Amino acid sequence: MNLNTFERLTLLNILPREGNIATLKIVRELNERVSFTAEEHERLKLTFSEDGTSVRWDRSQDKEVEFTFNGVEMKMIVSKLEELNRAEKLTAEHLSLYEKFCEGEG
């Protein structure tokens, strides 16, 4: 599945922050894989606000990156997106992720 910078950041923000040991290990692996390499940081000119609430990047350098997610990872991501949907807490930021993961448009 191809994800752009915004989708990657959004995905990183919805991953569970707590759970059992198995969940936390899966989240750690997802964080490592979906996070940005040093080369991507440089190319995108990623900058973070001091309080960590916002990120800026050079959108002209934004490229989609292909990721493969196993069944357990997919289930975790889809479950979280569906939970947000049921609770009516999806935002516009989640829309493309929801379409790709839950509606198969990726």
PDB file of N, CA and C in Angstrom:
ATOM      1  N   MET A   1       0.846  -1.166   0.000  1.00  0.00           N
ATOM      2  CA  MET A   1       0.000   0.000   0.000  1.00  0.00           C
ATOM      3  C   MET A   1       0.894   1.233   0.000  1.00  0.00           C
ATOM      4  N   ASN A   2       0.562   2.181  -0.841  1.00  0.00           N
ATOM      5  CA  ASN A   2       1.329   3.420  -0.946  1.00  0.00           C
ATOM      6  C   ASN A   2       0.760   4.473   0.000  1.00  0.00           C
ATOM      7  N   LEU A   3       1.657   5.093   0.776  1.00  0.00           N
ATOM      8  CA  LEU A   3       1.262   6.141   1.713  1.00  0.00           C
ATOM      9  C   LEU A   3       2.137   7.365   1.500  1.00  0.00           C
ATOM     10  N   ASN A   4       1.503   8.538   1.523  1.00  0.00           N
ATOM     11  CA  ASN A   4       2.264   9.778   1.423  1.00  0.00           C
ATOM     12  C   ASN A   4       2.676  10.230   2.831  1.00  0.00           C
ATOM     13  N   THR A   5       3.370  11.335   2.899  1.00  0.00           N
ATOM     14  CA  THR A   5       3.880  11.827   4.185  1.00  0.00           C
ATOM     15  C   THR A   5       2.754  12.065   5.181  1.00  0.00           C
ATOM     16  N   PHE A   6       1.707  12.751   4.753  1.00  0.00           N
ATOM     17  CA  PHE A   6       0.592  13.054   5.650  1.00  0.00           C
ATOM     18  C   PHE A   6      -0.057  11.774   6.170  1.00  0.00           C
ATOM     19  N   GLU A   7      -0.266  10.800   5.297  1.00  0.00           N
ATOM     20  CA  GLU A   7      -0.886   9.533   5.703  1.00  0.00           C
ATOM     21  C   GLU A   7       0.007   8.788   6.688  1.00  0.00           C
ATOM     22  N   ARG A   8       1.300   8.825   6.470  1.00  0.00           N
ATOM     23  CA  ARG A   8       2.221   8.160   7.396  1.00  0.00           C
ATOM     24  C   ARG A   8       2.161   8.812   8.777  1.00  0.00           C
ATOM     25  N   LEU A   9       2.165  10.136   8.811  1.00  0.00           N
ATOM     26  CA  LEU A   9       2.085  10.837  10.090  1.00  0.00           C
ATOM     27  C   LEU A   9       0.760  10.537  10.788  1.00  0.00           C
ATOM     28  N   THR A  10      -0.316  10.524  10.025  1.00  0.00           N
ATOM     29  CA  THR A  10      -1.634  10.235  10.599  1.00  0.00           C
ATOM     30  C   THR A  10      -1.684   8.814  11.136  1.00  0.00           C
ATOM     31  N   LEU A  11      -1.145   7.871  10.381  1.00  0.00           N
ATOM     32  CA  LEU A  11      -1.112   6.478  10.829  1.00  0.00           C
ATOM     33  C   LEU A  11      -0.322   6.356  12.130  1.00  0.00           C
ATOM     34  N   LEU A  12       0.822   6.991  12.198  1.00  0.00           N
ATOM     35  CA  LEU A  12       1.623   6.933  13.418  1.00  0.00           C
ATOM     36  C   LEU A  12       0.856   7.480  14.619  1.00  0.00           C
ATOM     37  N   ASN A  13      -0.007   8.446  14.386  1.00  0.00           N
ATOM     38  CA  ASN A  13      -0.772   9.058  15.475  1.00  0.00           C
ATOM     39  C   ASN A  13      -1.959   8.227  15.943  1.00  0.00           C
ATOM     40  N   ILE A  14      -2.433   7.285  15.125  1.00  0.00           N
ATOM     41  CA  ILE A  14      -3.596   6.501  15.564  1.00  0.00           C
ATOM     42  C   ILE A  14      -3.209   5.153  16.166  1.00  0.00           C
ATOM     43  N   LEU A  15      -1.939   4.781  16.052  1.00  0.00           N
ATOM     44  CA  LEU A  15      -1.532   3.492  16.607  1.00  0.00           C
ATOM     45  C   LEU A  15      -1.706   3.500  18.120  1.00  0.00           C
ATOM     46  N   PRO A  16      -2.081   2.351  18.683  1.00  0.00           N
ATOM     47  CA  PRO A  16      -2.294   2.285  20.137  1.00  0.00           C
ATOM     48  C   PRO A  16      -1.042   2.697  20.914  1.00  0.00           C
ATOM     49  N   ARG A  17      -1.249   3.386  22.002  1.00  0.00           N
ATOM     50  CA  ARG A  17      -0.151   3.814  22.862  1.00  0.00           C
ATOM     51  C   ARG A  17      -0.017   2.909  24.088  1.00  0.00           C
ATOM     52  N   GLU A  18      -1.002   2.047  24.265  1.00  0.00           N
ATOM     53  CA  GLU A  18      -0.959   1.097  25.371  1.00  0.00           C
ATOM     54  C   GLU A  18      -1.654  -0.177  24.947  1.00  0.00           C
ATOM     55  N   GLY A  19      -1.383  -1.242  25.680  1.00  0.00           N
ATOM     56  CA  GLY A  19      -1.965  -2.540  25.375  1.00  0.00           C
ATOM     57  C   GLY A  19      -1.121  -3.625  26.001  1.00  0.00           C
ATOM     58  N   ASN A  20      -1.324  -4.845  25.548  1.00  0.00           N
ATOM     59  CA  ASN A  20      -0.509  -5.934  26.077  1.00  0.00           C
ATOM     60  C   ASN A  20       0.851  -5.952  25.374  1.00  0.00           C
ATOM     61  N   ILE A  21       1.728  -6.817  25.822  1.00  0.00           N
ATOM     62  CA  ILE A  21       3.095  -6.854  25.297  1.00  0.00           C
ATOM     63  C   ILE A  21       3.118  -7.147  23.797  1.00  0.00           C
ATOM     64  N   ALA A  22       2.251  -8.022  23.332  1.00  0.00           N
ATOM     65  CA  ALA A  22       2.213  -8.349  21.902  1.00  0.00           C
ATOM     66  C   ALA A  22       1.810  -7.124  21.081  1.00  0.00           C
ATOM     67  N   THR A  23       0.799  -6.411  21.548  1.00  0.00           N
ATOM     68  CA  THR A  23       0.354  -5.201  20.849  1.00  0.00           C
ATOM     69  C   THR A  23       1.467  -4.172  20.788  1.00  0.00           C
ATOM     70  N   LEU A  24       2.135  -3.951  21.919  1.00  0.00           N
ATOM     71  CA  LEU A  24       3.195  -2.951  21.968  1.00  0.00           C
ATOM     72  C   LEU A  24       4.371  -3.305  21.062  1.00  0.00           C
ATOM     73  N   LYS A  25       4.673  -4.585  20.933  1.00  0.00           N
ATOM     74  CA  LYS A  25       5.754  -5.001  20.029  1.00  0.00           C
ATOM     75  C   LYS A  25       5.363  -4.759  18.570  1.00  0.00           C
ATOM     76  N   ILE A  26       4.116  -5.036  18.241  1.00  0.00           N
ATOM     77  CA  ILE A  26       3.632  -4.784  16.879  1.00  0.00           C
ATOM     78  C   ILE A  26       3.667  -3.290  16.584  1.00  0.00           C
ATOM     79  N   VAL A  27       3.216  -2.484  17.538  1.00  0.00           N
ATOM     80  CA  VAL A  27       3.224  -1.029  17.367  1.00  0.00           C
ATOM     81  C   VAL A  27       4.653  -0.521  17.204  1.00  0.00           C
ATOM     82  N   ARG A  28       5.580  -1.046  17.987  1.00  0.00           N
ATOM     83  CA  ARG A  28       6.977  -0.625  17.869  1.00  0.00           C
ATOM     84  C   ARG A  28       7.511  -0.918  16.471  1.00  0.00           C
ATOM     85  N   GLU A  29       7.227  -2.108  15.955  1.00  0.00           N
ATOM     86  CA  GLU A  29       7.684  -2.472  14.610  1.00  0.00           C
ATOM     87  C   GLU A  29       7.040  -1.589  13.544  1.00  0.00           C
ATOM     88  N   LEU A  30       5.755  -1.308  13.686  1.00  0.00           N
ATOM     89  CA  LEU A  30       5.072  -0.422  12.738  1.00  0.00           C
ATOM     90  C   LEU A  30       5.665   0.980  12.785  1.00  0.00           C
ATOM     91  N   ASN A  31       5.903   1.481  13.990  1.00  0.00           N
ATOM     92  CA  ASN A  31       6.515   2.805  14.134  1.00  0.00           C
ATOM     93  C   ASN A  31       7.861   2.868  13.428  1.00  0.00           C
ATOM     94  N   GLU A  32       8.672   1.851  13.617  1.00  0.00           N
ATOM     95  CA  GLU A  32       9.997   1.834  12.994  1.00  0.00           C
ATOM     96  C   GLU A  32       9.897   1.788  11.477  1.00  0.00           C
ATOM     97  N   ARG A  33       8.951   1.029  10.961  1.00  0.00           N
ATOM     98  CA  ARG A  33       8.824   0.864   9.516  1.00  0.00           C
ATOM     99  C   ARG A  33       8.199   2.074   8.838  1.00  0.00           C
ATOM    100  N   VAL A  34       7.187   2.662   9.449  1.00  0.00           N
ATOM    101  CA  VAL A  34       6.442   3.751   8.825  1.00  0.00           C
ATOM    102  C   VAL A  34       7.106   5.109   9.077  1.00  0.00           C
ATOM    103  N   SER A  35       7.913   5.201  10.117  1.00  0.00           N
ATOM    104  CA  SER A  35       8.612   6.457  10.414  1.00  0.00           C
ATOM    105  C   SER A  35       9.551   6.825   9.275  1.00  0.00           C
ATOM    106  N   PHE A  36      10.129   7.992   9.369  1.00  0.00           N
ATOM    107  CA  PHE A  36      10.931   8.556   8.290  1.00  0.00           C
ATOM    108  C   PHE A  36      12.422   8.302   8.494  1.00  0.00           C
ATOM    109  N   THR A  37      13.078   7.953   7.407  1.00  0.00           N
ATOM    110  CA  THR A  37      14.521   7.750   7.449  1.00  0.00           C
ATOM    111  C   THR A  37      15.222   9.109   7.508  1.00  0.00           C
ATOM    112  N   ALA A  38      16.498   9.088   7.828  1.00  0.00           N
ATOM    113  CA  ALA A  38      17.281  10.333   7.847  1.00  0.00           C
ATOM    114  C   ALA A  38      17.267  10.985   6.474  1.00  0.00           C
ATOM    115  N   GLU A  39      17.345  10.187   5.428  1.00  0.00           N
ATOM    116  CA  GLU A  39      17.316  10.720   4.065  1.00  0.00           C
ATOM    117  C   GLU A  39      15.983  11.392   3.768  1.00  0.00           C
ATOM    118  N   GLU A  40      14.892  10.784   4.225  1.00  0.00           N
ATOM    119  CA  GLU A  40      13.573  11.383   4.021  1.00  0.00           C
ATOM    120  C   GLU A  40      13.441  12.684   4.804  1.00  0.00           C
ATOM    121  N   HIS A  41      13.962  12.710   6.026  1.00  0.00           N
ATOM    122  CA  HIS A  41      13.939  13.940   6.817  1.00  0.00           C
ATOM    123  C   HIS A  41      14.620  15.067   6.055  1.00  0.00           C
ATOM    124  N   GLU A  42      15.768  14.761   5.495  1.00  0.00           N
ATOM    125  CA  GLU A  42      16.525  15.779   4.769  1.00  0.00           C
ATOM    126  C   GLU A  42      15.797  16.210   3.496  1.00  0.00           C
ATOM    127  N   ARG A  43      15.336  15.237   2.705  1.00  0.00           N
ATOM    128  CA  ARG A  43      14.667  15.547   1.443  1.00  0.00           C
ATOM    129  C   ARG A  43      13.380  16.334   1.667  1.00  0.00           C
ATOM    130  N   LEU A  44      12.599  15.910   2.655  1.00  0.00           N
ATOM    131  CA  LEU A  44      11.316  16.552   2.932  1.00  0.00           C
ATOM    132  C   LEU A  44      11.453  17.835   3.747  1.00  0.00           C
ATOM    133  N   LYS A  45      12.635  18.039   4.322  1.00  0.00           N
ATOM    134  CA  LYS A  45      12.856  19.187   5.213  1.00  0.00           C
ATOM    135  C   LYS A  45      11.813  19.181   6.340  1.00  0.00           C
ATOM    136  N   LEU A  46      11.653  18.011   6.956  1.00  0.00           N
ATOM    137  CA  LEU A  46      10.692  17.858   8.046  1.00  0.00           C
ATOM    138  C   LEU A  46      11.092  18.731   9.228  1.00  0.00           C
ATOM    139  N   THR A  47      10.139  19.491   9.742  1.00  0.00           N
ATOM    140  CA  THR A  47      10.355  20.277  10.950  1.00  0.00           C
ATOM    141  C   THR A  47       9.150  20.101  11.871  1.00  0.00           C
ATOM    142  N   PHE A  48       9.431  20.041  13.147  1.00  0.00           N
ATOM    143  CA  PHE A  48       8.402  19.815  14.150  1.00  0.00           C
ATOM    144  C   PHE A  48       8.307  21.026  15.057  1.00  0.00           C
ATOM    145  N   SER A  49       7.088  21.387  15.439  1.00  0.00           N
ATOM    146  CA  SER A  49       6.917  22.511  16.360  1.00  0.00           C
ATOM    147  C   SER A  49       7.521  22.132  17.709  1.00  0.00           C
ATOM    148  N   GLU A  50       7.837  23.139  18.494  1.00  0.00           N
ATOM    149  CA  GLU A  50       8.458  22.895  19.800  1.00  0.00           C
ATOM    150  C   GLU A  50       7.582  22.042  20.707  1.00  0.00           C
ATOM    151  N   ASP A  51       6.273  22.242  20.620  1.00  0.00           N
ATOM    152  CA  ASP A  51       5.376  21.467  21.481  1.00  0.00           C
ATOM    153  C   ASP A  51       4.975  20.127  20.860  1.00  0.00           C
ATOM    154  N   GLY A  52       5.474  19.847  19.666  1.00  0.00           N
ATOM    155  CA  GLY A  52       5.212  18.567  19.024  1.00  0.00           C
ATOM    156  C   GLY A  52       3.821  18.401  18.449  1.00  0.00           C
ATOM    157  N   THR A  53       3.084  19.485  18.311  1.00  0.00           N
ATOM    158  CA  THR A  53       1.708  19.369  17.829  1.00  0.00           C
ATOM    159  C   THR A  53       1.565  19.573  16.329  1.00  0.00           C
ATOM    160  N   SER A  54       2.627  20.020  15.667  1.00  0.00           N
ATOM    161  CA  SER A  54       2.517  20.211  14.223  1.00  0.00           C
ATOM    162  C   SER A  54       3.829  19.848  13.531  1.00  0.00           C
ATOM    163  N   VAL A  55       3.674  19.488  12.267  1.00  0.00           N
ATOM    164  CA  VAL A  55       4.810  19.085  11.440  1.00  0.00           C
ATOM    165  C   VAL A  55       4.708  19.821  10.121  1.00  0.00           C
ATOM    166  N   ARG A  56       5.834  20.253   9.614  1.00  0.00           N
ATOM    167  CA  ARG A  56       5.875  20.892   8.289  1.00  0.00           C
ATOM    168  C   ARG A  56       6.866  20.118   7.437  1.00  0.00           C
ATOM    169  N   TRP A  57       6.606  20.128   6.122  1.00  0.00           N
ATOM    170  CA  TRP A  57       7.538  19.504   5.192  1.00  0.00           C
ATOM    171  C   TRP A  57       7.385  20.143   3.832  1.00  0.00           C
ATOM    172  N   ASP A  58       8.377  19.930   3.003  1.00  0.00           N
ATOM    173  CA  ASP A  58       8.381  20.451   1.638  1.00  0.00           C
ATOM    174  C   ASP A  58       7.486  19.544   0.795  1.00  0.00           C
ATOM    175  N   ARG A  59       6.282  19.992   0.552  1.00  0.00           N
ATOM    176  CA  ARG A  59       5.304  19.157  -0.165  1.00  0.00           C
ATOM    177  C   ARG A  59       5.721  18.854  -1.603  1.00  0.00           C
ATOM    178  N   SER A  60       6.582  19.692  -2.166  1.00  0.00           N
ATOM    179  CA  SER A  60       7.050  19.424  -3.525  1.00  0.00           C
ATOM    180  C   SER A  60       7.948  18.183  -3.565  1.00  0.00           C
ATOM    181  N   GLN A  61       8.464  17.784  -2.416  1.00  0.00           N
ATOM    182  CA  GLN A  61       9.331  16.610  -2.333  1.00  0.00           C
ATOM    183  C   GLN A  61       8.602  15.373  -1.814  1.00  0.00           C
ATOM    184  N   ASP A  62       7.303  15.513  -1.592  1.00  0.00           N
ATOM    185  CA  ASP A  62       6.507  14.411  -1.046  1.00  0.00           C
ATOM    186  C   ASP A  62       6.355  13.318  -2.100  1.00  0.00           C
ATOM    187  N   LYS A  63       6.701  12.112  -1.716  1.00  0.00           N
ATOM    188  CA  LYS A  63       6.540  10.951  -2.593  1.00  0.00           C
ATOM    189  C   LYS A  63       5.868   9.846  -1.798  1.00  0.00           C
ATOM    190  N   GLU A  64       4.977   9.130  -2.443  1.00  0.00           N
ATOM    191  CA  GLU A  64       4.380   7.985  -1.770  1.00  0.00           C
ATOM    192  C   GLU A  64       5.420   6.883  -1.630  1.00  0.00           C
ATOM    193  N   VAL A  65       5.329   6.179  -0.519  1.00  0.00           N
ATOM    194  CA  VAL A  65       6.228   5.069  -0.242  1.00  0.00           C
ATOM    195  C   VAL A  65       5.361   3.828  -0.096  1.00  0.00           C
ATOM    196  N   GLU A  66       5.830   2.731  -0.652  1.00  0.00           N
ATOM    197  CA  GLU A  66       5.062   1.485  -0.577  1.00  0.00           C
ATOM    198  C   GLU A  66       5.395   0.733   0.705  1.00  0.00           C
ATOM    199  N   PHE A  67       4.346   0.308   1.398  1.00  0.00           N
ATOM    200  CA  PHE A  67       4.478  -0.477   2.621  1.00  0.00           C
ATOM    201  C   PHE A  67       3.648  -1.739   2.481  1.00  0.00           C
ATOM    202  N   THR A  68       4.127  -2.793   3.102  1.00  0.00           N
ATOM    203  CA  THR A  68       3.382  -4.046   3.180  1.00  0.00           C
ATOM    204  C   THR A  68       3.035  -4.271   4.642  1.00  0.00           C
ATOM    205  N   PHE A  69       1.781  -4.547   4.906  1.00  0.00           N
ATOM    206  CA  PHE A  69       1.319  -4.791   6.264  1.00  0.00           C
ATOM    207  C   PHE A  69       0.816  -6.219   6.353  1.00  0.00           C
ATOM    208  N   ASN A  70       1.218  -6.929   7.416  1.00  0.00           N
ATOM    209  CA  ASN A  70       0.742  -8.302   7.577  1.00  0.00           C
ATOM    210  C   ASN A  70      -0.676  -8.292   8.136  1.00  0.00           C
ATOM    211  N   GLY A  71      -1.262  -9.449   8.262  1.00  0.00           N
ATOM    212  CA  GLY A  71      -2.654  -9.561   8.696  1.00  0.00           C
ATOM    213  C   GLY A  71      -2.914  -8.959  10.062  1.00  0.00           C
ATOM    214  N   VAL A  72      -2.018  -9.177  11.006  1.00  0.00           N
ATOM    215  CA  VAL A  72      -2.196  -8.648  12.353  1.00  0.00           C
ATOM    216  C   VAL A  72      -2.111  -7.124  12.341  1.00  0.00           C
ATOM    217  N   GLU A  73      -1.156  -6.589  11.601  1.00  0.00           N
ATOM    218  CA  GLU A  73      -1.010  -5.132  11.492  1.00  0.00           C
ATOM    219  C   GLU A  73      -2.242  -4.514  10.840  1.00  0.00           C
ATOM    220  N   MET A  74      -2.690  -5.131   9.751  1.00  0.00           N
ATOM    221  CA  MET A  74      -3.889  -4.623   9.063  1.00  0.00           C
ATOM    222  C   MET A  74      -5.084  -4.627  10.003  1.00  0.00           C
ATOM    223  N   LYS A  75      -5.254  -5.718  10.731  1.00  0.00           N
ATOM    224  CA  LYS A  75      -6.385  -5.823  11.654  1.00  0.00           C
ATOM    225  C   LYS A  75      -6.316  -4.714  12.701  1.00  0.00           C
ATOM    226  N   MET A  76      -5.119  -4.439  13.220  1.00  0.00           N
ATOM    227  CA  MET A  76      -4.952  -3.397  14.235  1.00  0.00           C
ATOM    228  C   MET A  76      -5.310  -2.026  13.671  1.00  0.00           C
ATOM    229  N   ILE A  77      -4.820  -1.732  12.479  1.00  0.00           N
ATOM    230  CA  ILE A  77      -5.069  -0.427  11.863  1.00  0.00           C
ATOM    231  C   ILE A  77      -6.541  -0.272  11.502  1.00  0.00           C
ATOM    232  N   VAL A  78      -7.107  -1.283  10.851  1.00  0.00           N
ATOM    233  CA  VAL A  78      -8.518  -1.237  10.459  1.00  0.00           C
ATOM    234  C   VAL A  78      -9.401  -1.109  11.695  1.00  0.00           C
ATOM    235  N   SER A  79      -9.087  -1.864  12.732  1.00  0.00           N
ATOM    236  CA  SER A  79      -9.871  -1.820  13.965  1.00  0.00           C
ATOM    237  C   SER A  79      -9.886  -0.418  14.559  1.00  0.00           C
ATOM    238  N   LYS A  80      -8.743   0.242  14.590  1.00  0.00           N
ATOM    239  CA  LYS A  80      -8.664   1.590  15.146  1.00  0.00           C
ATOM    240  C   LYS A  80      -9.461   2.583  14.294  1.00  0.00           C
ATOM    241  N   LEU A  81      -9.319   2.493  12.975  1.00  0.00           N
ATOM    242  CA  LEU A  81     -10.065   3.390  12.094  1.00  0.00           C
ATOM    243  C   LEU A  81     -11.568   3.158  12.206  1.00  0.00           C
ATOM    244  N   GLU A  82     -11.985   1.899  12.298  1.00  0.00           N
ATOM    245  CA  GLU A  82     -13.409   1.600  12.445  1.00  0.00           C
ATOM    246  C   GLU A  82     -13.932   2.067  13.802  1.00  0.00           C
ATOM    247  N   GLU A  83     -13.094   1.953  14.828  1.00  0.00           N
ATOM    248  CA  GLU A  83     -13.458   2.451  16.160  1.00  0.00           C
ATOM    249  C   GLU A  83     -13.693   3.966  16.114  1.00  0.00           C
ATOM    250  N   LEU A  84     -12.799   4.693  15.456  1.00  0.00           N
ATOM    251  CA  LEU A  84     -12.966   6.133  15.309  1.00  0.00           C
ATOM    252  C   LEU A  84     -14.239   6.460  14.532  1.00  0.00           C
ATOM    253  N   ASN A  85     -14.525   5.658  13.510  1.00  0.00           N
ATOM    254  CA  ASN A  85     -15.723   5.875  12.713  1.00  0.00           C
ATOM    255  C   ASN A  85     -16.990   5.650  13.543  1.00  0.00           C
ATOM    256  N   ARG A  86     -17.030   4.537  14.275  1.00  0.00           N
ATOM    257  CA  ARG A  86     -18.204   4.234  15.107  1.00  0.00           C
ATOM    258  C   ARG A  86     -18.444   5.323  16.156  1.00  0.00           C
ATOM    259  N   ALA A  87     -17.361   5.844  16.707  1.00  0.00           N
ATOM    260  CA  ALA A  87     -17.462   6.874  17.740  1.00  0.00           C
ATOM    261  C   ALA A  87     -17.675   8.265  17.139  1.00  0.00           C
ATOM    262  N   GLU A  88     -17.770   8.303  15.809  1.00  0.00           N
ATOM    263  CA  GLU A  88     -17.915   9.560  15.069  1.00  0.00           C
ATOM    264  C   GLU A  88     -16.787  10.532  15.412  1.00  0.00           C
ATOM    265  N   LYS A  89     -15.574   9.974  15.481  1.00  0.00           N
ATOM    266  CA  LYS A  89     -14.389  10.771  15.794  1.00  0.00           C
ATOM    267  C   LYS A  89     -13.411  10.808  14.622  1.00  0.00           C
ATOM    268  N   LEU A  90     -13.828  10.287  13.474  1.00  0.00           N
ATOM    269  CA  LEU A  90     -12.988  10.421  12.282  1.00  0.00           C
ATOM    270  C   LEU A  90     -12.925  11.891  11.908  1.00  0.00           C
ATOM    271  N   THR A  91     -11.773  12.315  11.427  1.00  0.00           N
ATOM    272  CA  THR A  91     -11.630  13.684  10.943  1.00  0.00           C
ATOM    273  C   THR A  91     -11.231  13.623   9.472  1.00  0.00           C
ATOM    274  N   ALA A  92     -11.200  14.759   8.836  1.00  0.00           N
ATOM    275  CA  ALA A  92     -10.789  14.815   7.432  1.00  0.00           C
ATOM    276  C   ALA A  92      -9.390  14.238   7.261  1.00  0.00           C
ATOM    277  N   GLU A  93      -8.558  14.385   8.279  1.00  0.00           N
ATOM    278  CA  GLU A  93      -7.197  13.853   8.209  1.00  0.00           C
ATOM    279  C   GLU A  93      -7.178  12.335   8.084  1.00  0.00           C
ATOM    280  N   HIS A  94      -8.190  11.681   8.606  1.00  0.00           N
ATOM    281  CA  HIS A  94      -8.247  10.218   8.578  1.00  0.00           C
ATOM    282  C   HIS A  94      -8.837   9.661   7.284  1.00  0.00           C
ATOM    283  N   LEU A  95      -9.470  10.503   6.491  1.00  0.00           N
ATOM    284  CA  LEU A  95     -10.268  10.035   5.358  1.00  0.00           C
ATOM    285  C   LEU A  95      -9.495   9.159   4.382  1.00  0.00           C
ATOM    286  N   SER A  96      -8.340   9.607   3.919  1.00  0.00           N
ATOM    287  CA  SER A  96      -7.613   8.802   2.921  1.00  0.00           C
ATOM    288  C   SER A  96      -7.130   7.486   3.517  1.00  0.00           C
ATOM    289  N   LEU A  97      -6.738   7.488   4.788  1.00  0.00           N
ATOM    290  CA  LEU A  97      -6.346   6.233   5.436  1.00  0.00           C
ATOM    291  C   LEU A  97      -7.539   5.293   5.539  1.00  0.00           C
ATOM    292  N   TYR A  98      -8.681   5.831   5.945  1.00  0.00           N
ATOM    293  CA  TYR A  98      -9.884   5.009   6.049  1.00  0.00           C
ATOM    294  C   TYR A  98     -10.220   4.382   4.697  1.00  0.00           C
ATOM    295  N   GLU A  99     -10.162   5.188   3.650  1.00  0.00           N
ATOM    296  CA  GLU A  99     -10.473   4.672   2.317  1.00  0.00           C
ATOM    297  C   GLU A  99      -9.488   3.585   1.914  1.00  0.00           C
ATOM    298  N   LYS A 100      -8.221   3.784   2.175  1.00  0.00           N
ATOM    299  CA  LYS A 100      -7.219   2.798   1.775  1.00  0.00           C
ATOM    300  C   LYS A 100      -7.299   1.518   2.594  1.00  0.00           C
ATOM    301  N   PHE A 101      -7.415   1.662   3.896  1.00  0.00           N
ATOM    302  CA  PHE A 101      -7.398   0.455   4.763  1.00  0.00           C
ATOM    303  C   PHE A 101      -8.740  -0.213   4.912  1.00  0.00           C
ATOM    304  N   CYS A 102      -9.811   0.555   4.985  1.00  0.00           N
ATOM    305  CA  CYS A 102     -11.121  -0.026   5.277  1.00  0.00           C
ATOM    306  C   CYS A 102     -11.977  -0.248   4.029  1.00  0.00           C
ATOM    307  N   GLU A 103     -11.724   0.535   2.996  1.00  0.00           N
ATOM    308  CA  GLU A 103     -12.523   0.401   1.780  1.00  0.00           C
ATOM    309  C   GLU A 103     -11.732  -0.169   0.628  1.00  0.00           C
ATOM    310  N   GLY A 104     -10.466  -0.473   0.872  1.00  0.00           N
ATOM    311  CA  GLY A 104      -9.636  -1.099  -0.141  1.00  0.00           C
ATOM    312  C   GLY A 104      -9.317  -0.241  -1.333  1.00  0.00           C
ATOM    313  N   GLU A 105      -9.223   1.076  -1.146  1.00  0.00           N
ATOM    314  CA  GLU A 105      -8.934   1.965  -2.270  1.00  0.00           C
ATOM    315  C   GLU A 105      -7.458   2.295  -2.364  1.00  0.00           C
ATOM    316  N   GLY A 106      -6.614   1.511  -1.668  1.00  0.00           N
ATOM    317  CA  GLY A 106      -5.183   1.778  -1.697  1.00  0.00           C
ATOM    318  C   GLY A 106      -4.540   0.854  -2.635  1.00  0.00           C
TER     319      GLY A 106
END
